[in-house]
Protein backbone atom coordinates (compact mmCIF):
# COMPACT_ATOMS: atom_id res chain seq x y z
CA UNK A 1 118.71 114.90 110.98
CA UNK A 2 119.79 115.20 107.21
CA UNK A 3 121.61 118.62 108.46
CA UNK A 4 123.17 117.91 111.57
CA UNK A 5 126.71 117.29 111.84
CA UNK A 6 128.43 113.70 112.45
CA UNK A 7 129.15 112.39 115.74
CA UNK A 8 132.85 111.49 116.58
CA UNK A 9 132.39 107.82 117.80
CA UNK A 10 134.98 108.85 120.32
CA UNK A 11 132.99 111.64 121.38
CA UNK A 12 129.81 109.87 122.10
CA UNK A 13 130.77 106.54 122.87
CA UNK A 14 130.87 106.88 126.79
CA UNK A 15 128.03 104.41 128.13
CA UNK A 16 127.53 101.66 125.44
CA UNK A 17 124.06 101.40 126.98
CA UNK A 18 123.27 105.22 126.67
CA UNK A 19 124.68 105.34 123.27
CA UNK A 20 122.09 102.82 122.28
CA UNK A 21 119.56 105.50 123.54
CA UNK A 22 121.11 108.12 121.56
CA UNK A 23 121.43 105.94 118.37
CA UNK A 24 117.48 105.00 118.74
CA UNK A 25 116.82 108.31 118.76
CA UNK A 26 118.57 108.98 115.51
CA UNK A 27 116.38 106.62 114.26
CA UNK A 28 113.23 108.12 115.62
CA UNK A 29 114.67 111.56 113.69
CA UNK A 30 115.29 109.33 110.68
CA UNK A 31 111.91 107.83 110.66
CA UNK A 32 110.69 111.60 110.53
CA UNK A 33 112.66 112.57 107.43
CA UNK A 34 112.35 109.70 105.80
CA UNK A 35 108.26 110.43 106.56
CA UNK A 36 108.79 113.92 105.59
CA UNK A 37 110.39 112.85 102.35
CA UNK A 38 107.67 110.39 101.44
CA UNK A 39 105.16 113.57 101.64
CA UNK A 40 107.09 115.43 98.86
CA UNK A 41 109.51 113.66 97.12
CA UNK A 42 110.13 116.19 94.18
CA UNK A 43 111.54 119.15 96.21
CA UNK A 44 114.77 120.23 95.22
CA UNK A 45 116.03 119.25 98.58
CA UNK A 46 115.10 115.62 98.09
CA UNK A 47 118.38 114.20 96.23
CA UNK A 48 120.30 115.51 99.29
CA UNK A 49 118.13 114.06 101.50
CA UNK A 50 117.37 110.89 100.28
CA UNK A 51 121.51 110.16 100.01
CA UNK A 52 121.49 111.31 103.69
CA UNK A 53 119.07 108.63 104.95
CA UNK A 54 120.19 105.93 102.45
CA UNK A 55 123.40 106.20 104.07
CA UNK A 56 121.89 105.73 107.36
CA UNK A 57 120.11 102.66 106.22
CA UNK A 58 123.11 101.41 104.32
CA UNK A 59 125.99 102.27 107.33
CA UNK A 60 123.94 102.65 110.40
CA UNK A 61 121.20 100.74 110.71
CA UNK A 62 123.37 98.20 109.83
CA UNK A 63 125.83 98.54 112.50
CA UNK A 64 123.46 99.38 114.96
CA UNK A 65 121.76 95.59 114.72
CA UNK A 66 125.13 94.18 114.89
CA UNK A 67 126.19 95.91 118.36
CA UNK A 68 121.85 94.17 119.23
CA UNK A 69 122.51 90.93 117.42
CA UNK A 70 126.57 89.78 117.99
CA UNK A 71 126.83 92.09 121.52
CA UNK A 72 123.88 93.22 123.55
CA UNK A 73 121.44 90.29 123.46
CA UNK A 74 123.97 87.71 123.60
CA UNK A 75 125.13 88.84 127.12
CA UNK A 76 121.73 89.69 128.04
CA UNK A 77 120.57 86.17 127.78
CA UNK A 78 124.06 85.02 129.13
CA UNK A 79 123.02 87.38 132.93
CA UNK A 80 119.66 87.34 132.69
CA UNK A 81 117.69 83.76 131.31
CA UNK A 82 115.73 83.87 134.02
CA UNK A 83 113.73 87.45 132.95
CA UNK A 84 111.38 85.20 130.77
CA UNK A 85 109.62 88.61 129.66
CA UNK A 86 113.18 90.27 128.40
CA UNK A 87 113.95 86.63 127.04
CA UNK A 88 110.66 86.81 124.70
CA UNK A 89 111.06 90.59 123.51
CA UNK A 90 114.38 89.78 122.86
CA UNK A 91 113.05 87.01 120.62
CA UNK A 92 110.66 89.49 118.69
CA UNK A 93 113.27 92.09 118.35
CA UNK A 94 115.57 89.43 116.53
CA UNK A 95 112.77 88.43 114.38
CA UNK A 96 112.18 92.15 113.82
CA UNK A 97 116.07 92.76 112.79
CA UNK A 98 115.57 89.70 110.25
CA UNK A 99 112.44 91.10 108.68
CA UNK A 100 114.42 94.38 108.29
CA UNK A 101 116.44 93.49 105.72
CA UNK A 102 113.51 92.69 103.35
CA UNK A 103 112.56 96.59 104.59
CA UNK A 104 115.89 97.69 103.94
CA UNK A 105 116.14 96.50 100.79
CA UNK A 106 112.53 98.06 99.60
CA UNK A 107 113.36 101.19 100.76
CA UNK A 108 116.72 101.31 99.55
CA UNK A 109 115.61 101.51 95.76
CA UNK A 110 113.41 104.04 96.36
CA UNK A 111 116.09 106.41 98.01
CA UNK A 112 118.38 105.32 95.60
CA UNK A 113 116.83 106.59 92.51
CA UNK A 114 115.68 109.81 94.39
CA UNK A 115 119.37 110.44 95.46
CA UNK A 116 119.90 111.12 91.81
CA UNK A 117 117.02 113.20 91.50
CA UNK A 118 115.38 110.03 89.38
CA UNK A 119 111.55 109.40 89.80
CA UNK A 120 109.38 106.66 91.75
CA UNK A 121 107.30 104.78 89.80
CA UNK A 122 104.72 104.58 92.52
CA UNK A 123 104.97 107.73 94.74
CA UNK A 124 101.55 106.71 97.05
CA UNK A 125 103.13 102.55 97.32
CA UNK A 126 106.02 104.50 98.32
CA UNK A 127 104.24 106.97 101.06
CA UNK A 128 102.16 103.87 102.31
CA UNK A 129 105.22 101.99 102.63
CA UNK A 130 107.09 104.18 104.40
CA UNK A 131 104.16 104.93 106.79
CA UNK A 132 104.04 100.75 108.02
CA UNK A 133 107.61 100.86 107.96
CA UNK A 134 108.10 103.76 109.95
CA UNK A 135 105.84 102.62 112.57
CA UNK A 136 106.82 99.29 113.02
CA UNK A 137 110.64 101.24 113.59
CA UNK A 138 108.93 103.03 116.05
CA UNK A 139 107.37 100.65 118.18
CA UNK A 140 110.75 98.17 117.82
CA UNK A 141 112.58 100.80 119.48
CA UNK A 142 109.99 101.66 122.26
CA UNK A 143 110.40 97.83 122.84
CA UNK A 144 114.07 98.27 123.16
CA UNK A 145 113.92 101.45 125.03
CA UNK A 146 111.80 100.40 127.63
CA UNK A 147 112.33 96.65 128.03
CA UNK A 148 115.81 95.62 126.59
CA UNK A 149 117.91 98.94 127.59
CA UNK A 150 116.53 98.96 131.10
CA UNK A 151 117.35 95.32 131.20
CA UNK A 152 121.05 96.17 130.07
CA UNK A 153 121.86 98.84 132.90
CA UNK A 154 119.97 96.15 135.29
CA UNK A 155 122.18 93.02 134.60
CA UNK A 156 125.13 93.92 132.33
CA UNK A 157 128.08 94.38 134.83
CA UNK A 158 131.30 96.60 133.68
CA UNK A 159 133.20 94.06 132.16
CA UNK A 160 130.25 93.42 130.18
CA UNK A 161 129.35 97.00 129.16
CA UNK A 162 133.45 97.91 128.59
CA UNK A 163 133.55 94.78 125.99
CA UNK A 164 129.98 95.76 124.55
CA UNK A 165 132.09 99.74 124.10
CA UNK A 166 135.20 98.14 122.67
CA UNK A 167 133.22 95.65 120.29
CA UNK A 168 131.26 99.16 118.85
CA UNK A 169 134.26 100.68 118.62
CA UNK A 170 135.62 98.72 117.03
CA UNK A 171 132.95 98.18 114.79
CA UNK A 172 132.64 101.69 113.75
CA UNK A 173 135.80 102.10 112.86
CA UNK A 174 135.60 99.99 110.28
CA UNK A 175 133.61 102.38 108.43
């Protein structure tokens, strides 16, 4: 992921639900890259990798969460309030999104230090936190990919999906 060329949003948005699947795949790659960095944050390439990971953490992840919190979840709640499992999963994911803010803060300092070639005070603690964080993120993505996004295909009409795509494009145009 760290060496992947930047995607142009206008080239990749297409269907917004498919786009979200793609961002979930990117997040899994980000977790893989973070895990590799936590195994050996002293390599010559660590500052560049840490800077790339930090940008994802500070730009891409919050934007992605906004796509879901501000657009996708409310639309699904409006279209499918009868789907109890979906409503429960959305509630769980919203709680996890709020918890992500604390997790991001914990990672931000370490990645910032590494991006400037500085040492992390406690490498074992950093590695342990990364293991837990990436496990939680993978579980989160699994729920979204296997419950929420299939529901979006089922319940959201063309108008919903076009509005979601416009919102996503607008959010990305400001970055």
